[in-house]
């Protein structure tokens, strides 16, 4: 039997909250530009991870636990791959372009 978990209202609200939290993690650099720390692609990843976790439990509904665990997994992966060693802040440009925002501004 195939399992296609649906997002509960509680999980949907939590995903929105987690995504907005990720978006606000960006900071303003010296020239006033904002570093974007989350894109819609990260929201889609959170949803897919949450659904995958629910499938592993054979659940038809994505729970709050699933969304929080997906966010934890995303945080660990993002911290490893996108932390700018100069600032200690997460900079998604390091993943998408291979350079931090600070490096690009220096060019």
C-alpha atoms as a PDB file:
ATOM      1  CA  UNK A   1       0.000   0.000   0.000  1.00  0.00           C
ATOM      2  CA  UNK A   2       1.252   3.482  -0.859  1.00  0.00           C
ATOM      3  CA  UNK A   3       1.217   6.105   1.843  1.00  0.00           C
ATOM      4  CA  UNK A   4       0.771   9.752   0.891  1.00  0.00           C
ATOM      5  CA  UNK A   5       0.704  11.736   4.144  1.00  0.00           C
ATOM      6  CA  UNK A   6      -1.332  14.922   4.263  1.00  0.00           C
ATOM      7  CA  UNK A   7      -0.189  17.965   6.217  1.00  0.00           C
ATOM      8  CA  UNK A   8      -2.257  18.548   9.337  1.00  0.00           C
ATOM      9  CA  UNK A   9      -3.312  22.111  10.111  1.00  0.00           C
ATOM     10  CA  UNK A  10      -0.921  22.097  13.062  1.00  0.00           C
ATOM     11  CA  UNK A  11       1.984  20.889  10.863  1.00  0.00           C
ATOM     12  CA  UNK A  12       1.176  23.494   8.201  1.00  0.00           C
ATOM     13  CA  UNK A  13       1.266  26.323  10.743  1.00  0.00           C
ATOM     14  CA  UNK A  14       4.541  25.003  12.152  1.00  0.00           C
ATOM     15  CA  UNK A  15       6.125  24.770   8.679  1.00  0.00           C
ATOM     16  CA  UNK A  16       5.146  28.372   7.953  1.00  0.00           C
ATOM     17  CA  UNK A  17       6.546  29.478  11.291  1.00  0.00           C
ATOM     18  CA  UNK A  18       9.808  27.563  10.762  1.00  0.00           C
ATOM     19  CA  UNK A  19      10.224  28.976   7.264  1.00  0.00           C
ATOM     20  CA  UNK A  20       9.635  32.548   8.433  1.00  0.00           C
ATOM     21  CA  UNK A  21      12.138  31.968  11.235  1.00  0.00           C
ATOM     22  CA  UNK A  22      14.692  30.770   8.674  1.00  0.00           C
ATOM     23  CA  UNK A  23      14.005  33.852   6.537  1.00  0.00           C
ATOM     24  CA  UNK A  24      14.692  36.207   9.433  1.00  0.00           C
ATOM     25  CA  UNK A  25      18.063  34.577  10.135  1.00  0.00           C
ATOM     26  CA  UNK A  26      19.538  36.721   7.354  1.00  0.00           C
ATOM     27  CA  UNK A  27      21.435  39.786   8.398  1.00  0.00           C
ATOM     28  CA  UNK A  28      22.124  43.151   6.899  1.00  0.00           C
ATOM     29  CA  UNK A  29      25.658  43.537   5.601  1.00  0.00           C
ATOM     30  CA  UNK A  30      27.759  46.693   5.712  1.00  0.00           C
ATOM     31  CA  UNK A  31      26.286  48.098   2.512  1.00  0.00           C
ATOM     32  CA  UNK A  32      22.689  47.560   3.628  1.00  0.00           C
ATOM     33  CA  UNK A  33      21.950  44.432   1.549  1.00  0.00           C
ATOM     34  CA  UNK A  34      20.093  41.620   3.255  1.00  0.00           C
ATOM     35  CA  UNK A  35      21.477  38.106   3.155  1.00  0.00           C
ATOM     36  CA  UNK A  36      18.661  35.698   2.349  1.00  0.00           C
ATOM     37  CA  UNK A  37      18.919  32.655   4.554  1.00  0.00           C
ATOM     38  CA  UNK A  38      15.955  30.672   3.185  1.00  0.00           C
ATOM     39  CA  UNK A  39      14.244  30.405  -0.176  1.00  0.00           C
ATOM     40  CA  UNK A  40      11.027  28.683  -1.279  1.00  0.00           C
ATOM     41  CA  UNK A  41      13.213  25.695  -2.153  1.00  0.00           C
ATOM     42  CA  UNK A  42      14.038  25.278   1.551  1.00  0.00           C
ATOM     43  CA  UNK A  43      10.319  25.377   2.395  1.00  0.00           C
ATOM     44  CA  UNK A  44       9.688  22.663  -0.189  1.00  0.00           C
ATOM     45  CA  UNK A  45      12.500  20.624   1.356  1.00  0.00           C
ATOM     46  CA  UNK A  46      10.975  21.005   4.822  1.00  0.00           C
ATOM     47  CA  UNK A  47       7.642  19.760   3.469  1.00  0.00           C
ATOM     48  CA  UNK A  48       9.233  16.761   1.706  1.00  0.00           C
ATOM     49  CA  UNK A  49      11.291  15.846   4.777  1.00  0.00           C
ATOM     50  CA  UNK A  50       8.191  16.107   6.985  1.00  0.00           C
ATOM     51  CA  UNK A  51       6.200  13.899   4.628  1.00  0.00           C
ATOM     52  CA  UNK A  52       9.061  11.388   4.468  1.00  0.00           C
ATOM     53  CA  UNK A  53       9.241  11.200   8.251  1.00  0.00           C
ATOM     54  CA  UNK A  54       5.481  10.584   8.407  1.00  0.00           C
ATOM     55  CA  UNK A  55       5.842   7.812   5.796  1.00  0.00           C
ATOM     56  CA  UNK A  56       8.530   6.165   7.916  1.00  0.00           C
ATOM     57  CA  UNK A  57       5.962   5.981  10.725  1.00  0.00           C
ATOM     58  CA  UNK A  58       3.331   4.665   8.293  1.00  0.00           C
ATOM     59  CA  UNK A  59       1.208   7.676   9.118  1.00  0.00           C
ATOM     60  CA  UNK A  60      -1.328   9.238   6.797  1.00  0.00           C
ATOM     61  CA  UNK A  61      -0.901  12.606   8.532  1.00  0.00           C
ATOM     62  CA  UNK A  62       2.213  14.758   8.934  1.00  0.00           C
ATOM     63  CA  UNK A  63       2.480  15.605  12.626  1.00  0.00           C
ATOM     64  CA  UNK A  64       4.070  18.441  14.545  1.00  0.00           C
ATOM     65  CA  UNK A  65       6.850  16.011  15.501  1.00  0.00           C
ATOM     66  CA  UNK A  66       7.582  15.373  11.806  1.00  0.00           C
ATOM     67  CA  UNK A  67       7.881  19.081  11.019  1.00  0.00           C
ATOM     68  CA  UNK A  68      10.128  19.777  14.016  1.00  0.00           C
ATOM     69  CA  UNK A  69      12.411  16.849  13.189  1.00  0.00           C
ATOM     70  CA  UNK A  70      12.577  17.990   9.546  1.00  0.00           C
ATOM     71  CA  UNK A  71      13.601  21.455  10.730  1.00  0.00           C
ATOM     72  CA  UNK A  72      16.265  19.975  13.002  1.00  0.00           C
ATOM     73  CA  UNK A  73      17.688  17.916  10.143  1.00  0.00           C
ATOM     74  CA  UNK A  74      17.635  20.963   7.853  1.00  0.00           C
ATOM     75  CA  UNK A  75      19.392  23.109  10.481  1.00  0.00           C
ATOM     76  CA  UNK A  76      22.193  20.573  10.934  1.00  0.00           C
ATOM     77  CA  UNK A  77      22.717  20.188   7.187  1.00  0.00           C
ATOM     78  CA  UNK A  78      22.554  23.930   6.556  1.00  0.00           C
ATOM     79  CA  UNK A  79      24.931  24.774   9.379  1.00  0.00           C
ATOM     80  CA  UNK A  80      27.461  22.356   7.989  1.00  0.00           C
ATOM     81  CA  UNK A  81      27.241  23.552   4.393  1.00  0.00           C
ATOM     82  CA  UNK A  82      26.348  27.249   4.588  1.00  0.00           C
ATOM     83  CA  UNK A  83      27.972  28.798   7.640  1.00  0.00           C
ATOM     84  CA  UNK A  84      30.202  31.704   6.659  1.00  0.00           C
ATOM     85  CA  UNK A  85      33.397  31.192   8.655  1.00  0.00           C
ATOM     86  CA  UNK A  86      33.955  34.971   8.874  1.00  0.00           C
ATOM     87  CA  UNK A  87      30.593  35.892  10.334  1.00  0.00           C
ATOM     88  CA  UNK A  88      29.374  32.598  11.804  1.00  0.00           C
ATOM     89  CA  UNK A  89      26.012  33.291  10.132  1.00  0.00           C
ATOM     90  CA  UNK A  90      24.196  31.026   7.716  1.00  0.00           C
ATOM     91  CA  UNK A  91      24.572  32.352   4.188  1.00  0.00           C
ATOM     92  CA  UNK A  92      22.640  30.432   1.511  1.00  0.00           C
ATOM     93  CA  UNK A  93      24.852  32.009  -1.166  1.00  0.00           C
ATOM     94  CA  UNK A  94      27.574  29.610  -0.030  1.00  0.00           C
ATOM     95  CA  UNK A  95      25.400  26.728  -1.207  1.00  0.00           C
ATOM     96  CA  UNK A  96      23.954  28.298  -4.345  1.00  0.00           C
ATOM     97  CA  UNK A  97      27.056  30.126  -5.653  1.00  0.00           C
ATOM     98  CA  UNK A  98      29.960  28.661  -3.705  1.00  0.00           C
ATOM     99  CA  UNK A  99      30.842  32.113  -2.329  1.00  0.00           C
ATOM    100  CA  UNK A 100      29.620  33.989   0.699  1.00  0.00           C
ATOM    101  CA  UNK A 101      27.822  37.301   0.344  1.00  0.00           C
ATOM    102  CA  UNK A 102      30.848  39.009   1.900  1.00  0.00           C
ATOM    103  CA  UNK A 103      33.163  37.435  -0.729  1.00  0.00           C
ATOM    104  CA  UNK A 104      30.890  38.573  -3.554  1.00  0.00           C
ATOM    105  CA  UNK A 105      30.750  42.119  -2.173  1.00  0.00           C
ATOM    106  CA  UNK A 106      34.552  42.276  -2.110  1.00  0.00           C
ATOM    107  CA  UNK A 107      34.794  41.493  -5.842  1.00  0.00           C
END
